[in-house]
Amino acid sequence: MTEDRQLLQAWRDGDEDAGVALFERHYERVSRFFRNKAGDAAPDLVQRTFLVCLETRERMRDQTSFRCYLFGVARNVLFEHYRKRRRESDRLDFAERSVQDLAPTPTSLLAREQESQLLLQALRQIPMESQVILELYYWEGMRARDIASVLEVPEGTARTRIRRAKQLLERELESLARSPQVLHSTVSNLDIWARRLRDQMKR
């Protein structure tokens, strides 16, 4: 299988088929990244992410995987999307503001099980930076080293942020849960419910 970096370089050199191949390889992941955070704007932000990757390819460090670089770009595109929607005087701190704060309209995503519904709602209530971190952790299987690359922070800082994001999520789950049973099932099997929610988002 052709490496991502080779496809990216070929695309930059004018090979449109390489661009299509790279887009198809990662489209589902990037689409999922935006779907729970940007609503109807998600398709445009996916396109923007891949174009920025092409335009900024030379900035990608040798030790960084294309996937980490791609999600780093997606994160920046997402934050810029929300900054543009605010007044110039408003300062957005994505370590404090949640998707629910910035886009309070109900999500179009539907989760079947109560645990998935609870998890989806809780993710939208925690700060967006924490939501990004947890979705990379649970949905993309990234660990501290990869997340550090996405956030452009030291690995130790990424570990601290992952731990903090988990604490915020658990607190939100406790606040939103309608029954102790659903809360216990969600928290004790968080990896499983996160994967189920991810899989439901493919549909």
C-alpha atoms as a PDB file:
ATOM      1  CA  MET A   1       0.000   0.000   0.000  1.00  0.00           C
ATOM      2  CA  THR A   2       1.330   3.412  -0.933  1.00  0.00           C
ATOM      3  CA  GLU A   3       2.385   5.451   2.087  1.00  0.00           C
ATOM      4  CA  ASP A   4       0.365   8.545   2.981  1.00  0.00           C
ATOM      5  CA  ARG A   5       3.411  10.772   2.597  1.00  0.00           C
ATOM      6  CA  GLN A   6       4.062   9.488  -0.916  1.00  0.00           C
ATOM      7  CA  LEU A   7       0.454  10.152  -1.890  1.00  0.00           C
ATOM      8  CA  LEU A   8       0.598  13.636  -0.405  1.00  0.00           C
ATOM      9  CA  GLN A   9       3.794  14.483  -2.281  1.00  0.00           C
ATOM     10  CA  ALA A  10       2.373  13.095  -5.519  1.00  0.00           C
ATOM     11  CA  TRP A  11      -0.791  15.152  -5.021  1.00  0.00           C
ATOM     12  CA  ARG A  12       1.280  18.253  -4.408  1.00  0.00           C
ATOM     13  CA  ASP A  13       3.180  17.513  -7.624  1.00  0.00           C
ATOM     14  CA  GLY A  14      -0.051  17.475  -9.591  1.00  0.00           C
ATOM     15  CA  ASP A  15      -1.195  13.862  -9.428  1.00  0.00           C
ATOM     16  CA  GLU A  16      -4.939  14.250  -8.856  1.00  0.00           C
ATOM     17  CA  ASP A  17      -5.417  10.480  -8.498  1.00  0.00           C
ATOM     18  CA  ALA A  18      -3.067  10.517  -5.515  1.00  0.00           C
ATOM     19  CA  GLY A  19      -5.197  13.253  -3.945  1.00  0.00           C
ATOM     20  CA  VAL A  20      -8.333  11.208  -4.484  1.00  0.00           C
ATOM     21  CA  ALA A  21      -6.685   8.130  -2.964  1.00  0.00           C
ATOM     22  CA  LEU A  22      -5.542  10.078   0.098  1.00  0.00           C
ATOM     23  CA  PHE A  23      -8.970  11.665   0.491  1.00  0.00           C
ATOM     24  CA  GLU A  24     -10.767   8.317   0.265  1.00  0.00           C
ATOM     25  CA  ARG A  25      -8.371   6.681   2.716  1.00  0.00           C
ATOM     26  CA  HIS A  26      -9.019   9.202   5.473  1.00  0.00           C
ATOM     27  CA  TYR A  27     -12.398  10.725   4.602  1.00  0.00           C
ATOM     28  CA  GLU A  28     -14.461   8.646   7.040  1.00  0.00           C
ATOM     29  CA  ARG A  29     -12.265   9.521  10.008  1.00  0.00           C
ATOM     30  CA  VAL A  30     -12.189  13.248   9.255  1.00  0.00           C
ATOM     31  CA  SER A  31     -15.914  13.332   8.506  1.00  0.00           C
ATOM     32  CA  ARG A  32     -16.598  11.684  11.875  1.00  0.00           C
ATOM     33  CA  PHE A  33     -14.331  14.230  13.564  1.00  0.00           C
ATOM     34  CA  PHE A  34     -16.453  17.130  12.325  1.00  0.00           C
ATOM     35  CA  ARG A  35     -19.881  15.539  12.369  1.00  0.00           C
ATOM     36  CA  ASN A  36     -20.436  15.769  16.128  1.00  0.00           C
ATOM     37  CA  LYS A  37     -18.976  19.267  16.340  1.00  0.00           C
ATOM     38  CA  ALA A  38     -19.911  21.267  13.238  1.00  0.00           C
ATOM     39  CA  GLY A  39     -23.288  19.997  12.055  1.00  0.00           C
ATOM     40  CA  ASP A  40     -24.214  21.055   8.515  1.00  0.00           C
ATOM     41  CA  ALA A  41     -20.835  22.754   8.050  1.00  0.00           C
ATOM     42  CA  ALA A  42     -18.999  19.427   8.408  1.00  0.00           C
ATOM     43  CA  PRO A  43     -18.658  18.565   4.674  1.00  0.00           C
ATOM     44  CA  ASP A  44     -17.119  21.950   3.876  1.00  0.00           C
ATOM     45  CA  LEU A  45     -14.716  21.649   6.804  1.00  0.00           C
ATOM     46  CA  VAL A  46     -13.626  18.193   5.632  1.00  0.00           C
ATOM     47  CA  GLN A  47     -12.780  19.634   2.210  1.00  0.00           C
ATOM     48  CA  ARG A  48     -10.998  22.567   3.817  1.00  0.00           C
ATOM     49  CA  THR A  49      -8.923  20.234   5.979  1.00  0.00           C
ATOM     50  CA  PHE A  50      -7.560  18.290   3.021  1.00  0.00           C
ATOM     51  CA  LEU A  51      -6.806  21.471   1.071  1.00  0.00           C
ATOM     52  CA  VAL A  52      -4.907  22.940   4.021  1.00  0.00           C
ATOM     53  CA  CYS A  53      -2.939  19.685   4.308  1.00  0.00           C
ATOM     54  CA  LEU A  54      -1.940  20.062   0.689  1.00  0.00           C
ATOM     55  CA  GLU A  55      -1.034  23.734   1.059  1.00  0.00           C
ATOM     56  CA  THR A  56       1.006  23.220   4.232  1.00  0.00           C
ATOM     57  CA  ARG A  57       2.606  19.871   3.457  1.00  0.00           C
ATOM     58  CA  GLU A  58       6.135  21.255   3.883  1.00  0.00           C
ATOM     59  CA  ARG A  59       5.399  22.078   7.525  1.00  0.00           C
ATOM     60  CA  MET A  60       4.827  18.430   8.439  1.00  0.00           C
ATOM     61  CA  ARG A  61       7.715  17.228  10.582  1.00  0.00           C
ATOM     62  CA  ASP A  62       9.503  14.038   9.546  1.00  0.00           C
ATOM     63  CA  GLN A  63       8.620  12.239  12.782  1.00  0.00           C
ATOM     64  CA  THR A  64       4.919  13.110  12.492  1.00  0.00           C
ATOM     65  CA  SER A  65       2.526  10.646  10.881  1.00  0.00           C
ATOM     66  CA  PHE A  66       0.197  12.004   8.223  1.00  0.00           C
ATOM     67  CA  ARG A  67      -2.788  10.928  10.327  1.00  0.00           C
ATOM     68  CA  CYS A  68      -1.623  13.022  13.291  1.00  0.00           C
ATOM     69  CA  TYR A  69      -0.878  15.942  11.012  1.00  0.00           C
ATOM     70  CA  LEU A  70      -4.302  15.599   9.383  1.00  0.00           C
ATOM     71  CA  PHE A  71      -6.121  15.725  12.708  1.00  0.00           C
ATOM     72  CA  GLY A  72      -3.987  18.647  13.837  1.00  0.00           C
ATOM     73  CA  VAL A  73      -5.129  20.523  10.742  1.00  0.00           C
ATOM     74  CA  ALA A  74      -8.741  19.404  11.317  1.00  0.00           C
ATOM     75  CA  ARG A  75      -8.594  20.752  14.875  1.00  0.00           C
ATOM     76  CA  ASN A  76      -7.321  24.118  13.659  1.00  0.00           C
ATOM     77  CA  VAL A  77      -9.955  24.259  10.896  1.00  0.00           C
ATOM     78  CA  LEU A  78     -12.678  23.503  13.454  1.00  0.00           C
ATOM     79  CA  PHE A  79     -11.535  26.209  15.855  1.00  0.00           C
ATOM     80  CA  GLU A  80     -11.204  28.749  13.048  1.00  0.00           C
ATOM     81  CA  HIS A  81     -14.740  27.894  11.916  1.00  0.00           C
ATOM     82  CA  TYR A  82     -16.114  28.861  15.319  1.00  0.00           C
ATOM     83  CA  ARG A  83     -13.904  31.928  15.639  1.00  0.00           C
ATOM     84  CA  LYS A  84     -15.290  33.283  12.377  1.00  0.00           C
ATOM     85  CA  ARG A  85     -18.835  32.887  13.673  1.00  0.00           C
ATOM     86  CA  ARG A  86     -18.171  35.095  16.693  1.00  0.00           C
ATOM     87  CA  ARG A  87     -17.877  38.838  16.949  1.00  0.00           C
ATOM     88  CA  GLU A  88     -14.365  40.160  16.669  1.00  0.00           C
ATOM     89  CA  SER A  89     -14.411  41.218  20.312  1.00  0.00           C
ATOM     90  CA  ASP A  90     -15.274  37.713  21.512  1.00  0.00           C
ATOM     91  CA  ARG A  91     -12.344  35.588  22.565  1.00  0.00           C
ATOM     92  CA  LEU A  92     -12.984  31.868  22.348  1.00  0.00           C
ATOM     93  CA  ASP A  93     -11.182  29.574  24.745  1.00  0.00           C
ATOM     94  CA  PHE A  94     -11.709  26.037  23.492  1.00  0.00           C
ATOM     95  CA  ALA A  95     -10.412  24.690  26.785  1.00  0.00           C
ATOM     96  CA  GLU A  96     -13.538  26.228  28.356  1.00  0.00           C
ATOM     97  CA  ARG A  97     -16.257  26.404  25.676  1.00  0.00           C
ATOM     98  CA  SER A  98     -18.177  23.345  24.546  1.00  0.00           C
ATOM     99  CA  VAL A  99     -19.934  22.476  21.306  1.00  0.00           C
ATOM    100  CA  GLN A 100     -23.186  22.982  23.189  1.00  0.00           C
ATOM    101  CA  ASP A 101     -22.083  26.532  24.083  1.00  0.00           C
ATOM    102  CA  LEU A 102     -21.169  27.408  20.507  1.00  0.00           C
ATOM    103  CA  ALA A 103     -23.804  25.459  18.558  1.00  0.00           C
ATOM    104  CA  PRO A 104     -26.714  24.838  20.934  1.00  0.00           C
ATOM    105  CA  THR A 105     -29.010  23.395  18.273  1.00  0.00           C
ATOM    106  CA  PRO A 106     -29.668  19.664  18.798  1.00  0.00           C
ATOM    107  CA  THR A 107     -27.298  17.292  17.075  1.00  0.00           C
ATOM    108  CA  SER A 108     -28.666  15.391  14.101  1.00  0.00           C
ATOM    109  CA  LEU A 109     -26.833  12.287  15.284  1.00  0.00           C
ATOM    110  CA  LEU A 110     -28.977   9.549  16.738  1.00  0.00           C
ATOM    111  CA  ALA A 111     -27.676   6.990  19.186  1.00  0.00           C
ATOM    112  CA  ARG A 112     -29.730   3.878  19.854  1.00  0.00           C
ATOM    113  CA  GLU A 113     -28.739   2.663  23.314  1.00  0.00           C
ATOM    114  CA  GLN A 114     -29.199   4.829  26.403  1.00  0.00           C
ATOM    115  CA  GLU A 115     -25.482   4.588  27.146  1.00  0.00           C
ATOM    116  CA  SER A 116     -24.571   5.852  23.674  1.00  0.00           C
ATOM    117  CA  GLN A 117     -27.101   8.673  23.967  1.00  0.00           C
ATOM    118  CA  LEU A 118     -25.666   9.666  27.329  1.00  0.00           C
ATOM    119  CA  LEU A 119     -22.094   9.573  26.042  1.00  0.00           C
ATOM    120  CA  LEU A 120     -22.955  11.629  22.950  1.00  0.00           C
ATOM    121  CA  GLN A 121     -24.667  14.274  25.048  1.00  0.00           C
ATOM    122  CA  ALA A 122     -21.832  14.399  27.585  1.00  0.00           C
ATOM    123  CA  LEU A 123     -19.185  14.807  24.873  1.00  0.00           C
ATOM    124  CA  ARG A 124     -21.031  17.861  23.539  1.00  0.00           C
ATOM    125  CA  GLN A 125     -21.179  19.399  27.016  1.00  0.00           C
ATOM    126  CA  ILE A 126     -17.498  19.254  27.939  1.00  0.00           C
ATOM    127  CA  PRO A 127     -14.992  21.825  26.592  1.00  0.00           C
ATOM    128  CA  MET A 128     -14.343  21.328  22.889  1.00  0.00           C
ATOM    129  CA  GLU A 129     -10.617  20.756  23.366  1.00  0.00           C
ATOM    130  CA  SER A 130     -11.412  17.931  25.786  1.00  0.00           C
ATOM    131  CA  GLN A 131     -14.000  16.514  23.376  1.00  0.00           C
ATOM    132  CA  VAL A 132     -11.404  16.476  20.593  1.00  0.00           C
ATOM    133  CA  ILE A 133      -8.892  14.719  22.846  1.00  0.00           C
ATOM    134  CA  LEU A 134     -11.337  12.024  23.947  1.00  0.00           C
ATOM    135  CA  GLU A 135     -12.636  11.349  20.465  1.00  0.00           C
ATOM    136  CA  LEU A 136      -9.063  10.941  19.200  1.00  0.00           C
ATOM    137  CA  TYR A 137      -8.351   8.661  22.158  1.00  0.00           C
ATOM    138  CA  TYR A 138     -11.451   6.472  21.986  1.00  0.00           C
ATOM    139  CA  TRP A 139     -12.479   6.678  18.335  1.00  0.00           C
ATOM    140  CA  GLU A 140      -9.122   6.887  16.567  1.00  0.00           C
ATOM    141  CA  GLY A 141      -7.166   4.749  19.009  1.00  0.00           C
ATOM    142  CA  MET A 142      -4.560   7.471  19.548  1.00  0.00           C
ATOM    143  CA  ARG A 143      -2.469   7.463  22.680  1.00  0.00           C
ATOM    144  CA  ALA A 144      -0.570  10.233  24.417  1.00  0.00           C
ATOM    145  CA  ARG A 145       2.291  10.415  21.913  1.00  0.00           C
ATOM    146  CA  ASP A 146      -0.036  10.805  18.920  1.00  0.00           C
ATOM    147  CA  ILE A 147      -2.347  13.234  20.700  1.00  0.00           C
ATOM    148  CA  ALA A 148       0.673  15.285  21.716  1.00  0.00           C
ATOM    149  CA  SER A 149       1.580  15.516  18.036  1.00  0.00           C
ATOM    150  CA  VAL A 150      -1.953  16.634  17.109  1.00  0.00           C
ATOM    151  CA  LEU A 151      -2.012  19.282  19.850  1.00  0.00           C
ATOM    152  CA  GLU A 152       1.636  20.246  19.309  1.00  0.00           C
ATOM    153  CA  VAL A 153       2.440  19.884  23.013  1.00  0.00           C
ATOM    154  CA  PRO A 154       4.905  17.705  24.979  1.00  0.00           C
ATOM    155  CA  GLU A 155       3.793  14.135  25.617  1.00  0.00           C
ATOM    156  CA  GLY A 156       3.592  14.742  29.367  1.00  0.00           C
ATOM    157  CA  THR A 157       1.221  17.647  28.771  1.00  0.00           C
ATOM    158  CA  ALA A 158      -0.917  15.457  26.518  1.00  0.00           C
ATOM    159  CA  ARG A 159      -1.135  12.797  29.237  1.00  0.00           C
ATOM    160  CA  THR A 160      -2.312  15.421  31.722  1.00  0.00           C
ATOM    161  CA  ARG A 161      -4.939  16.697  29.283  1.00  0.00           C
ATOM    162  CA  ILE A 162      -6.215  13.192  28.536  1.00  0.00           C
ATOM    163  CA  ARG A 163      -6.581  12.505  32.248  1.00  0.00           C
ATOM    164  CA  ARG A 164      -8.342  15.846  32.786  1.00  0.00           C
ATOM    165  CA  ALA A 165     -10.675  15.252  29.823  1.00  0.00           C
ATOM    166  CA  LYS A 166     -11.684  11.848  31.229  1.00  0.00           C
ATOM    167  CA  GLN A 167     -12.452  13.457  34.581  1.00  0.00           C
ATOM    168  CA  LEU A 168     -14.596  16.143  32.923  1.00  0.00           C
ATOM    169  CA  LEU A 169     -16.459  13.523  30.904  1.00  0.00           C
ATOM    170  CA  GLU A 170     -17.176  11.363  33.940  1.00  0.00           C
ATOM    171  CA  ARG A 171     -18.438  14.392  35.859  1.00  0.00           C
ATOM    172  CA  GLU A 172     -20.732  15.307  32.962  1.00  0.00           C
ATOM    173  CA  LEU A 173     -21.983  11.727  32.671  1.00  0.00           C
ATOM    174  CA  GLU A 174     -22.882  11.805  36.368  1.00  0.00           C
ATOM    175  CA  SER A 175     -24.745  15.081  35.890  1.00  0.00           C
ATOM    176  CA  LEU A 176     -26.727  13.918  32.851  1.00  0.00           C
ATOM    177  CA  ALA A 177     -27.488  10.285  33.702  1.00  0.00           C
ATOM    178  CA  ARG A 178     -31.154   9.547  34.308  1.00  0.00           C
ATOM    179  CA  SER A 179     -30.482   6.424  36.332  1.00  0.00           C
ATOM    180  CA  PRO A 180     -27.601   4.978  38.374  1.00  0.00           C
ATOM    181  CA  GLN A 181     -27.773   1.817  36.258  1.00  0.00           C
ATOM    182  CA  VAL A 182     -27.178   3.614  32.959  1.00  0.00           C
ATOM    183  CA  LEU A 183     -24.411   5.685  34.533  1.00  0.00           C
ATOM    184  CA  HIS A 184     -22.659   2.614  35.895  1.00  0.00           C
ATOM    185  CA  SER A 185     -22.986   0.754  32.584  1.00  0.00           C
ATOM    186  CA  THR A 186     -21.599   3.734  30.642  1.00  0.00           C
ATOM    187  CA  VAL A 187     -18.677   4.531  32.923  1.00  0.00           C
ATOM    188  CA  SER A 188     -17.613   0.933  33.587  1.00  0.00           C
ATOM    189  CA  ASN A 189     -17.707   0.043  29.883  1.00  0.00           C
ATOM    190  CA  LEU A 190     -16.669   3.393  28.420  1.00  0.00           C
ATOM    191  CA  ASP A 191     -14.353   1.902  25.780  1.00  0.00           C
ATOM    192  CA  ILE A 192     -17.165  -0.322  24.488  1.00  0.00           C
ATOM    193  CA  TRP A 193     -19.801   2.412  24.361  1.00  0.00           C
ATOM    194  CA  ALA A 194     -17.365   4.830  22.735  1.00  0.00           C
ATOM    195  CA  ARG A 195     -16.673   2.294  19.973  1.00  0.00           C
ATOM    196  CA  ARG A 196     -20.388   1.646  19.490  1.00  0.00           C
ATOM    197  CA  LEU A 197     -21.087   5.350  19.202  1.00  0.00           C
ATOM    198  CA  ARG A 198     -18.234   5.696  16.701  1.00  0.00           C
ATOM    199  CA  ASP A 199     -19.621   2.833  14.619  1.00  0.00           C
ATOM    200  CA  GLN A 200     -23.125   4.332  14.666  1.00  0.00           C
ATOM    201  CA  MET A 201     -21.699   7.546  13.246  1.00  0.00           C
ATOM    202  CA  LYS A 202     -20.712   5.681  10.063  1.00  0.00           C
ATOM    203  CA  ARG A 203     -24.357   5.246   9.159  1.00  0.00           C
END
